[in-house]
Amino acid sequence: RAQPKRLQTLGFPEELERQLRKMANEAKTVIEETGANVLFLIFGFLEFTEGRTDGKTLVAPLIAVPVTLRKSGVVDPMARTYEYVVEFNGEDVTANSTLAEKLRADHALQLPEWDNDDGPESYFLKVDPLARGRQGWRVRRQLTLGMLSFGKLAIWADLDVRRSSSLLKNGLL
């Protein structure tokens, strides 16, 4: 049963503990090796289809909340597995900039800006009009813990000639 400050999951306790231990270790390793956090609590997804993928359904995160994951040291007496704690790490909460670029480039659509005063539902209400009227498009109101990397999009933005026209003047390019 769900209790305050606890999340109910669909996984069996032993499998869930194994997955959480692996995820916590991988996230810690990435931070140690790159200095970048890749672990996020993801609020909501945009489900959409694209003609060029033969109607294949794609699902992309909407809001990414940077978090840390750690074993609490407390053993659940019923499941006999460790409990894990998910905590906000203080970095910026963001909308999915990779999705925003894809929607702009492929569909000429503008993903709404994330406002820190917005809650997830108010942001979903801003995104809903993008999906409305498009077959196979909808906003999924789900919560997921996962690893996301936005590092390559920053490089992509740096190489955008519309933002930095001096790139075209460089003889090496």
N, C-alpha and C. Protein backbone atom coordinates (compact mmCIF):
# COMPACT_ATOMS: atom_id res chain seq x y z
N ARG A 1 0.82 -1.20 0.00
CA ARG A 1 0.00 0.00 0.00
C ARG A 1 0.86 1.25 0.00
N ALA A 2 0.39 2.25 -0.74
CA ALA A 2 1.13 3.52 -0.78
C ALA A 2 0.97 4.23 0.57
N GLN A 3 2.05 4.79 1.06
CA GLN A 3 2.06 5.56 2.28
C GLN A 3 2.68 6.91 1.97
N PRO A 4 2.44 7.92 2.83
CA PRO A 4 3.07 9.22 2.57
C PRO A 4 4.58 9.07 2.40
N LYS A 5 5.12 9.78 1.40
CA LYS A 5 6.54 9.78 1.09
C LYS A 5 7.06 8.41 0.65
N ARG A 6 6.19 7.55 0.17
CA ARG A 6 6.59 6.25 -0.36
C ARG A 6 5.96 6.09 -1.73
N LEU A 7 6.67 5.41 -2.60
CA LEU A 7 6.16 5.15 -3.94
C LEU A 7 5.86 3.67 -4.09
N GLN A 8 4.73 3.38 -4.69
CA GLN A 8 4.39 2.00 -4.98
C GLN A 8 4.91 1.69 -6.37
N THR A 9 5.47 0.51 -6.53
CA THR A 9 6.03 0.12 -7.82
C THR A 9 5.39 -1.18 -8.29
N LEU A 10 5.66 -1.53 -9.53
CA LEU A 10 5.13 -2.76 -10.08
C LEU A 10 6.10 -3.92 -9.95
N GLY A 11 7.30 -3.67 -9.46
CA GLY A 11 8.32 -4.71 -9.38
C GLY A 11 8.22 -5.53 -8.10
N PHE A 12 8.67 -6.77 -8.18
CA PHE A 12 8.79 -7.60 -6.99
C PHE A 12 9.98 -7.09 -6.18
N PRO A 13 9.95 -7.20 -4.86
CA PRO A 13 10.98 -6.59 -4.01
C PRO A 13 12.42 -6.95 -4.36
N GLU A 14 12.72 -8.22 -4.58
CA GLU A 14 14.11 -8.62 -4.85
C GLU A 14 14.60 -8.04 -6.18
N GLU A 15 13.75 -8.10 -7.18
CA GLU A 15 14.12 -7.57 -8.50
C GLU A 15 14.26 -6.05 -8.43
N LEU A 16 13.34 -5.39 -7.74
CA LEU A 16 13.39 -3.94 -7.60
C LEU A 16 14.65 -3.51 -6.87
N GLU A 17 15.02 -4.22 -5.80
CA GLU A 17 16.23 -3.88 -5.06
C GLU A 17 17.46 -4.03 -5.96
N ARG A 18 17.51 -5.10 -6.76
CA ARG A 18 18.63 -5.31 -7.67
C ARG A 18 18.72 -4.16 -8.68
N GLN A 19 17.59 -3.76 -9.25
CA GLN A 19 17.57 -2.68 -10.24
C GLN A 19 17.99 -1.35 -9.60
N LEU A 20 17.50 -1.07 -8.41
CA LEU A 20 17.84 0.19 -7.73
C LEU A 20 19.31 0.24 -7.36
N ARG A 21 19.86 -0.88 -6.88
CA ARG A 21 21.29 -0.94 -6.54
C ARG A 21 22.13 -0.68 -7.79
N LYS A 22 21.76 -1.32 -8.90
CA LYS A 22 22.48 -1.13 -10.16
C LYS A 22 22.38 0.33 -10.63
N MET A 23 21.18 0.90 -10.57
CA MET A 23 20.97 2.27 -11.02
C MET A 23 21.76 3.25 -10.15
N ALA A 24 21.74 3.05 -8.84
CA ALA A 24 22.47 3.94 -7.93
C ALA A 24 23.97 3.87 -8.21
N ASN A 25 24.49 2.68 -8.44
CA ASN A 25 25.92 2.51 -8.73
C ASN A 25 26.30 3.15 -10.06
N GLU A 26 25.48 2.94 -11.10
CA GLU A 26 25.77 3.53 -12.41
C GLU A 26 25.73 5.05 -12.35
N ALA A 27 24.74 5.61 -11.67
CA ALA A 27 24.62 7.07 -11.57
C ALA A 27 25.82 7.65 -10.83
N LYS A 28 26.24 6.99 -9.77
CA LYS A 28 27.40 7.44 -9.00
C LYS A 28 28.67 7.38 -9.85
N THR A 29 28.83 6.31 -10.63
CA THR A 29 30.00 6.17 -11.50
C THR A 29 30.05 7.27 -12.55
N VAL A 30 28.92 7.58 -13.16
CA VAL A 30 28.88 8.64 -14.18
C VAL A 30 29.27 9.98 -13.57
N ILE A 31 28.77 10.28 -12.38
CA ILE A 31 29.13 11.54 -11.72
C ILE A 31 30.63 11.58 -11.44
N GLU A 32 31.18 10.48 -10.95
CA GLU A 32 32.61 10.43 -10.64
C GLU A 32 33.46 10.58 -11.90
N GLU A 33 33.03 9.99 -13.02
CA GLU A 33 33.82 10.01 -14.24
C GLU A 33 33.63 11.26 -15.07
N THR A 34 32.43 11.84 -15.06
CA THR A 34 32.16 12.98 -15.94
C THR A 34 31.77 14.26 -15.21
N GLY A 35 31.36 14.12 -13.97
CA GLY A 35 30.88 15.29 -13.22
C GLY A 35 29.45 15.65 -13.54
N ALA A 36 28.80 14.88 -14.41
CA ALA A 36 27.42 15.17 -14.81
C ALA A 36 26.45 14.19 -14.18
N ASN A 37 25.35 14.72 -13.68
CA ASN A 37 24.30 13.86 -13.15
C ASN A 37 23.42 13.38 -14.29
N VAL A 38 23.11 12.10 -14.31
CA VAL A 38 22.25 11.54 -15.35
C VAL A 38 21.00 10.88 -14.78
N LEU A 39 20.84 10.94 -13.45
CA LEU A 39 19.70 10.30 -12.81
C LEU A 39 18.60 11.32 -12.59
N PHE A 40 17.41 11.01 -13.09
CA PHE A 40 16.29 11.95 -13.03
C PHE A 40 15.01 11.24 -12.63
N LEU A 41 14.18 11.96 -11.91
CA LEU A 41 12.81 11.56 -11.70
C LEU A 41 12.05 12.25 -12.82
N ILE A 42 11.42 11.46 -13.66
CA ILE A 42 10.80 11.99 -14.88
C ILE A 42 9.29 12.08 -14.66
N PHE A 43 8.77 13.28 -14.86
CA PHE A 43 7.34 13.52 -14.73
C PHE A 43 6.76 13.68 -16.12
N GLY A 44 5.94 12.74 -16.52
CA GLY A 44 5.21 12.84 -17.78
C GLY A 44 6.02 12.51 -19.01
N PHE A 45 5.28 12.06 -20.02
CA PHE A 45 5.89 11.70 -21.30
C PHE A 45 5.00 12.19 -22.43
N LEU A 46 5.62 12.55 -23.55
CA LEU A 46 4.87 12.82 -24.76
C LEU A 46 4.95 11.57 -25.62
N GLU A 47 3.82 10.99 -25.92
CA GLU A 47 3.74 9.84 -26.82
C GLU A 47 3.36 10.39 -28.19
N PHE A 48 4.12 10.03 -29.20
CA PHE A 48 3.83 10.55 -30.53
C PHE A 48 4.28 9.56 -31.60
N THR A 49 3.74 9.74 -32.79
CA THR A 49 4.12 8.90 -33.92
C THR A 49 4.70 9.79 -35.01
N GLU A 50 5.52 9.17 -35.83
CA GLU A 50 6.10 9.90 -36.95
C GLU A 50 5.87 9.11 -38.22
N GLY A 51 5.51 9.80 -39.28
CA GLY A 51 5.25 9.13 -40.55
C GLY A 51 6.45 8.40 -41.09
N ARG A 52 7.64 9.00 -40.94
CA ARG A 52 8.82 8.39 -41.52
C ARG A 52 9.29 7.14 -40.78
N THR A 53 8.70 6.89 -39.59
CA THR A 53 9.04 5.66 -38.86
C THR A 53 7.89 4.66 -39.01
N ASP A 54 7.12 4.81 -40.09
CA ASP A 54 5.99 3.92 -40.37
C ASP A 54 5.00 3.83 -39.22
N GLY A 55 4.73 4.96 -38.61
CA GLY A 55 3.74 5.02 -37.55
C GLY A 55 4.21 4.45 -36.23
N LYS A 56 5.50 4.21 -36.10
CA LYS A 56 6.04 3.70 -34.84
C LYS A 56 5.79 4.72 -33.73
N THR A 57 5.34 4.23 -32.58
CA THR A 57 5.07 5.10 -31.45
C THR A 57 6.37 5.39 -30.71
N LEU A 58 6.63 6.66 -30.49
CA LEU A 58 7.80 7.11 -29.73
C LEU A 58 7.30 7.71 -28.42
N VAL A 59 8.10 7.59 -27.37
CA VAL A 59 7.74 8.14 -26.07
C VAL A 59 8.95 8.91 -25.55
N ALA A 60 8.74 10.18 -25.18
CA ALA A 60 9.84 11.02 -24.71
C ALA A 60 9.47 11.69 -23.39
N PRO A 61 10.44 11.76 -22.46
CA PRO A 61 10.19 12.42 -21.18
C PRO A 61 9.85 13.90 -21.37
N LEU A 62 9.04 14.44 -20.46
CA LEU A 62 8.71 15.87 -20.51
C LEU A 62 9.47 16.68 -19.47
N ILE A 63 9.39 16.33 -18.20
CA ILE A 63 10.04 17.09 -17.13
C ILE A 63 11.07 16.21 -16.45
N ALA A 64 12.28 16.72 -16.31
CA ALA A 64 13.36 15.96 -15.68
C ALA A 64 13.79 16.65 -14.39
N VAL A 65 13.62 15.94 -13.28
CA VAL A 65 14.01 16.44 -11.96
C VAL A 65 15.28 15.70 -11.55
N PRO A 66 16.42 16.40 -11.43
CA PRO A 66 17.67 15.72 -11.07
C PRO A 66 17.63 15.23 -9.63
N VAL A 67 18.00 13.96 -9.45
CA VAL A 67 17.91 13.35 -8.13
C VAL A 67 19.14 12.52 -7.82
N THR A 68 19.24 12.14 -6.56
CA THR A 68 20.21 11.13 -6.13
C THR A 68 19.41 9.95 -5.61
N LEU A 69 20.03 8.79 -5.66
CA LEU A 69 19.40 7.56 -5.19
C LEU A 69 20.38 6.87 -4.26
N ARG A 70 19.91 6.52 -3.07
CA ARG A 70 20.80 5.87 -2.12
C ARG A 70 20.04 4.84 -1.30
N LYS A 71 20.77 3.84 -0.87
CA LYS A 71 20.21 2.83 0.02
C LYS A 71 20.07 3.46 1.38
N SER A 72 18.92 3.31 2.01
CA SER A 72 18.67 3.96 3.29
C SER A 72 19.33 3.26 4.46
N GLY A 73 19.65 1.99 4.32
CA GLY A 73 20.17 1.23 5.44
C GLY A 73 19.06 0.58 6.25
N VAL A 74 17.82 0.89 5.91
CA VAL A 74 16.66 0.31 6.59
C VAL A 74 16.16 -0.86 5.76
N VAL A 75 15.91 -1.97 6.43
CA VAL A 75 15.38 -3.15 5.75
C VAL A 75 13.88 -3.20 5.97
N ASP A 76 13.13 -3.34 4.88
CA ASP A 76 11.68 -3.49 4.97
C ASP A 76 11.38 -4.84 5.62
N PRO A 77 10.67 -4.85 6.74
CA PRO A 77 10.47 -6.13 7.44
C PRO A 77 9.62 -7.14 6.66
N MET A 78 8.69 -6.66 5.84
CA MET A 78 7.85 -7.58 5.08
C MET A 78 8.57 -8.13 3.86
N ALA A 79 9.23 -7.25 3.11
CA ALA A 79 9.90 -7.67 1.87
C ALA A 79 11.30 -8.22 2.13
N ARG A 80 11.89 -7.85 3.26
CA ARG A 80 13.25 -8.24 3.63
C ARG A 80 14.26 -7.76 2.57
N THR A 81 14.04 -6.55 2.10
CA THR A 81 14.96 -5.90 1.16
C THR A 81 15.23 -4.49 1.68
N TYR A 82 16.35 -3.89 1.23
CA TYR A 82 16.66 -2.53 1.63
C TYR A 82 15.70 -1.55 0.99
N GLU A 83 15.40 -0.51 1.73
CA GLU A 83 14.63 0.60 1.17
C GLU A 83 15.63 1.58 0.54
N TYR A 84 15.20 2.25 -0.52
CA TYR A 84 16.02 3.25 -1.20
C TYR A 84 15.35 4.60 -1.10
N VAL A 85 16.17 5.64 -1.08
CA VAL A 85 15.69 7.01 -0.94
C VAL A 85 16.04 7.77 -2.21
N VAL A 86 15.04 8.45 -2.77
CA VAL A 86 15.23 9.33 -3.93
C VAL A 86 15.12 10.75 -3.40
N GLU A 87 16.17 11.57 -3.66
CA GLU A 87 16.19 12.94 -3.16
C GLU A 87 16.54 13.92 -4.28
N PHE A 88 15.84 15.05 -4.29
CA PHE A 88 16.17 16.13 -5.21
C PHE A 88 17.59 16.60 -4.91
N ASN A 89 18.43 16.77 -5.95
CA ASN A 89 19.83 17.12 -5.70
C ASN A 89 20.11 18.62 -5.77
N GLY A 90 19.10 19.44 -6.02
CA GLY A 90 19.27 20.89 -6.02
C GLY A 90 19.58 21.51 -7.36
N GLU A 91 19.89 20.69 -8.39
CA GLU A 91 20.15 21.24 -9.72
C GLU A 91 18.82 21.67 -10.35
N ASP A 92 18.90 22.32 -11.51
CA ASP A 92 17.71 22.83 -12.18
C ASP A 92 16.78 21.73 -12.67
N VAL A 93 15.49 21.93 -12.44
CA VAL A 93 14.45 21.09 -13.03
C VAL A 93 14.24 21.63 -14.44
N THR A 94 14.18 20.75 -15.44
CA THR A 94 14.08 21.22 -16.82
C THR A 94 13.06 20.42 -17.62
N ALA A 95 12.59 21.06 -18.67
CA ALA A 95 11.84 20.34 -19.69
C ALA A 95 12.87 19.65 -20.58
N ASN A 96 12.44 18.69 -21.33
CA ASN A 96 13.32 17.89 -22.17
C ASN A 96 13.78 18.70 -23.38
N SER A 97 14.99 19.23 -23.34
CA SER A 97 15.51 20.07 -24.42
C SER A 97 15.75 19.25 -25.70
N THR A 98 16.06 17.98 -25.57
CA THR A 98 16.23 17.13 -26.75
C THR A 98 14.91 16.97 -27.48
N LEU A 99 13.84 16.75 -26.73
CA LEU A 99 12.51 16.65 -27.33
C LEU A 99 12.12 17.98 -27.97
N ALA A 100 12.41 19.09 -27.30
CA ALA A 100 12.08 20.41 -27.85
C ALA A 100 12.75 20.60 -29.21
N GLU A 101 14.02 20.21 -29.32
CA GLU A 101 14.75 20.34 -30.59
C GLU A 101 14.15 19.43 -31.66
N LYS A 102 13.80 18.21 -31.30
CA LYS A 102 13.20 17.28 -32.26
C LYS A 102 11.86 17.80 -32.78
N LEU A 103 11.02 18.28 -31.86
CA LEU A 103 9.72 18.81 -32.28
C LEU A 103 9.89 20.04 -33.17
N ARG A 104 10.88 20.89 -32.85
CA ARG A 104 11.13 22.09 -33.66
C ARG A 104 11.61 21.69 -35.05
N ALA A 105 12.58 20.79 -35.11
CA ALA A 105 13.20 20.43 -36.39
C ALA A 105 12.29 19.56 -37.26
N ASP A 106 11.62 18.59 -36.67
CA ASP A 106 10.84 17.62 -37.45
C ASP A 106 9.39 18.00 -37.66
N HIS A 107 8.83 18.80 -36.75
CA HIS A 107 7.39 19.07 -36.81
C HIS A 107 7.04 20.55 -36.77
N ALA A 108 8.05 21.42 -36.71
CA ALA A 108 7.84 22.86 -36.61
C ALA A 108 6.93 23.20 -35.43
N LEU A 109 7.13 22.49 -34.32
CA LEU A 109 6.35 22.73 -33.10
C LEU A 109 7.27 23.25 -32.00
N GLN A 110 6.71 24.10 -31.16
CA GLN A 110 7.46 24.68 -30.05
C GLN A 110 6.99 24.05 -28.75
N LEU A 111 7.87 23.29 -28.09
CA LEU A 111 7.55 22.74 -26.78
C LEU A 111 7.52 23.89 -25.79
N PRO A 112 6.48 23.99 -24.96
CA PRO A 112 6.42 25.10 -24.00
C PRO A 112 7.63 25.14 -23.08
N GLU A 113 8.00 26.33 -22.68
CA GLU A 113 9.10 26.50 -21.73
C GLU A 113 8.65 26.03 -20.36
N TRP A 114 9.59 25.42 -19.62
CA TRP A 114 9.31 25.03 -18.24
C TRP A 114 9.50 26.26 -17.37
N ASP A 115 8.53 26.52 -16.52
CA ASP A 115 8.61 27.61 -15.55
C ASP A 115 8.69 26.97 -14.18
N ASN A 116 9.69 27.35 -13.38
CA ASN A 116 9.86 26.74 -12.07
C ASN A 116 8.65 26.93 -11.16
N ASP A 117 7.77 27.87 -11.49
CA ASP A 117 6.55 28.05 -10.71
C ASP A 117 5.47 27.06 -11.11
N ASP A 118 5.66 26.39 -12.27
CA ASP A 118 4.71 25.39 -12.73
C ASP A 118 4.85 24.12 -11.91
N GLY A 119 3.76 23.45 -11.72
CA GLY A 119 3.79 22.08 -11.23
C GLY A 119 3.69 21.18 -12.45
N PRO A 120 3.89 19.89 -12.26
CA PRO A 120 3.81 18.99 -13.42
C PRO A 120 2.48 19.10 -14.17
N GLU A 121 1.37 19.10 -13.46
CA GLU A 121 0.07 19.12 -14.15
C GLU A 121 -0.13 20.40 -14.95
N SER A 122 0.28 21.55 -14.41
CA SER A 122 0.11 22.79 -15.18
C SER A 122 0.99 22.78 -16.43
N TYR A 123 2.17 22.14 -16.35
CA TYR A 123 3.01 22.02 -17.54
C TYR A 123 2.37 21.07 -18.55
N PHE A 124 1.82 19.95 -18.07
CA PHE A 124 1.15 19.01 -18.97
C PHE A 124 0.00 19.70 -19.71
N LEU A 125 -0.70 20.59 -19.02
CA LEU A 125 -1.80 21.31 -19.66
C LEU A 125 -1.29 22.25 -20.76
N LYS A 126 -0.06 22.73 -20.63
CA LYS A 126 0.54 23.55 -21.69
C LYS A 126 0.96 22.70 -22.88
N VAL A 127 1.34 21.44 -22.62
CA VAL A 127 1.80 20.54 -23.69
C VAL A 127 0.62 19.88 -24.40
N ASP A 128 -0.48 19.69 -23.70
CA ASP A 128 -1.65 19.02 -24.27
C ASP A 128 -2.06 19.55 -25.65
N PRO A 129 -2.07 20.88 -25.88
CA PRO A 129 -2.46 21.37 -27.22
C PRO A 129 -1.57 20.88 -28.35
N LEU A 130 -0.29 20.58 -28.06
CA LEU A 130 0.58 20.03 -29.11
C LEU A 130 0.08 18.66 -29.57
N ALA A 131 -0.42 17.88 -28.63
CA ALA A 131 -0.86 16.52 -28.94
C ALA A 131 -2.28 16.49 -29.50
N ARG A 132 -3.08 17.42 -29.05
CA ARG A 132 -4.49 17.45 -29.47
C ARG A 132 -4.62 17.58 -30.98
N GLY A 133 -5.41 16.73 -31.56
CA GLY A 133 -5.67 16.78 -33.00
C GLY A 133 -4.66 16.03 -33.83
N ARG A 134 -3.65 15.47 -33.22
CA ARG A 134 -2.66 14.68 -33.96
C ARG A 134 -2.86 13.21 -33.60
N GLN A 135 -3.06 12.42 -34.61
CA GLN A 135 -3.31 11.00 -34.38
C GLN A 135 -2.09 10.32 -33.76
N GLY A 136 -2.31 9.58 -32.68
CA GLY A 136 -1.24 8.86 -32.02
C GLY A 136 -0.43 9.71 -31.05
N TRP A 137 -0.83 10.95 -30.83
CA TRP A 137 -0.12 11.83 -29.90
C TRP A 137 -0.93 11.99 -28.63
N ARG A 138 -0.25 11.93 -27.46
CA ARG A 138 -0.92 12.21 -26.18
C ARG A 138 0.13 12.45 -25.10
N VAL A 139 -0.29 13.12 -24.05
CA VAL A 139 0.56 13.33 -22.89
C VAL A 139 0.24 12.22 -21.89
N ARG A 140 1.28 11.47 -21.52
CA ARG A 140 1.12 10.42 -20.50
C ARG A 140 1.51 11.01 -19.15
N ARG A 141 0.63 10.89 -18.20
CA ARG A 141 0.90 11.38 -16.85
C ARG A 141 1.44 10.21 -16.02
N GLN A 142 2.75 10.02 -16.11
CA GLN A 142 3.44 8.93 -15.43
C GLN A 142 4.67 9.48 -14.72
N LEU A 143 5.16 8.72 -13.76
CA LEU A 143 6.36 9.07 -13.03
C LEU A 143 7.34 7.91 -13.17
N THR A 144 8.58 8.22 -13.57
CA THR A 144 9.59 7.20 -13.79
C THR A 144 10.94 7.69 -13.27
N LEU A 145 11.73 6.78 -12.76
CA LEU A 145 13.10 7.07 -12.37
C LEU A 145 13.98 6.51 -13.47
N GLY A 146 14.85 7.34 -14.04
CA GLY A 146 15.67 6.86 -15.14
C GLY A 146 16.91 7.71 -15.37
N MET A 147 17.75 7.19 -16.27
CA MET A 147 19.00 7.86 -16.62
C MET A 147 18.79 8.59 -17.95
N LEU A 148 19.11 9.87 -17.97
CA LEU A 148 19.01 10.69 -19.17
C LEU A 148 20.31 11.46 -19.34
N SER A 149 20.73 11.62 -20.59
CA SER A 149 21.93 12.41 -20.86
C SER A 149 21.60 13.48 -21.88
N PHE A 150 21.79 14.72 -21.48
CA PHE A 150 21.52 15.84 -22.38
C PHE A 150 22.81 16.47 -22.91
N GLY A 151 23.95 15.86 -22.64
CA GLY A 151 25.24 16.44 -23.00
C GLY A 151 25.44 16.66 -24.48
N LYS A 152 25.00 15.73 -25.32
CA LYS A 152 25.22 15.86 -26.76
C LYS A 152 24.41 17.00 -27.36
N LEU A 153 23.26 17.32 -26.75
CA LEU A 153 22.45 18.43 -27.28
C LEU A 153 23.19 19.76 -27.12
N ALA A 154 23.96 19.92 -26.07
CA ALA A 154 24.73 21.15 -25.88
C ALA A 154 25.76 21.31 -27.00
N ILE A 155 26.40 20.22 -27.39
CA ILE A 155 27.36 20.27 -28.50
C ILE A 155 26.63 20.61 -29.80
N TRP A 156 25.47 19.99 -30.01
CA TRP A 156 24.65 20.26 -31.19
C TRP A 156 24.30 21.75 -31.27
N ALA A 157 23.89 22.32 -30.14
CA ALA A 157 23.54 23.74 -30.10
C ALA A 157 24.75 24.61 -30.40
N ASP A 158 25.92 24.24 -29.89
CA ASP A 158 27.14 25.01 -30.14
C ASP A 158 27.50 25.03 -31.62
N LEU A 159 27.13 23.99 -32.36
CA LEU A 159 27.46 23.89 -33.78
C LEU A 159 26.37 24.44 -34.69
N ASP A 160 25.31 25.00 -34.14
CA ASP A 160 24.22 25.56 -34.92
C ASP A 160 24.68 26.89 -35.54
N VAL A 161 24.75 26.93 -36.86
CA VAL A 161 25.25 28.13 -37.55
C VAL A 161 24.30 29.32 -37.39
N ARG A 162 23.05 29.07 -37.08
CA ARG A 162 22.13 30.19 -36.84
C ARG A 162 22.48 30.91 -35.55
N ARG A 163 23.09 30.23 -34.61
CA ARG A 163 23.48 30.83 -33.33
C ARG A 163 24.89 31.39 -33.39
N SER A 164 25.71 30.79 -34.21
CA SER A 164 27.10 31.22 -34.31
C SER A 164 27.53 31.20 -35.77
N SER A 165 27.20 32.27 -36.50
CA SER A 165 27.49 32.33 -37.93
C SER A 165 28.99 32.35 -38.22
N SER A 166 29.81 32.67 -37.25
CA SER A 166 31.26 32.70 -37.46
C SER A 166 31.81 31.30 -37.75
N LEU A 167 31.06 30.27 -37.41
CA LEU A 167 31.51 28.91 -37.69
C LEU A 167 31.74 28.71 -39.19
N LEU A 168 30.88 29.30 -40.01
CA LEU A 168 30.99 29.12 -41.46
C LEU A 168 32.23 29.81 -42.05
N LYS A 169 32.77 30.77 -41.32
CA LYS A 169 33.95 31.50 -41.79
C LYS A 169 35.24 30.78 -41.45
N ASN A 170 35.17 29.77 -40.61
CA ASN A 170 36.35 29.04 -40.19
C ASN A 170 36.80 28.11 -41.31
N GLY A 171 38.05 28.24 -41.73
CA GLY A 171 38.59 27.44 -42.82
C GLY A 171 38.63 25.95 -42.54
N LEU A 172 38.76 25.58 -41.30
CA LEU A 172 38.79 24.16 -40.95
C LEU A 172 37.43 23.49 -41.13
N LEU A 173 36.38 24.28 -41.03
CA LEU A 173 35.04 23.72 -41.16
C LEU A 173 34.57 23.78 -42.59
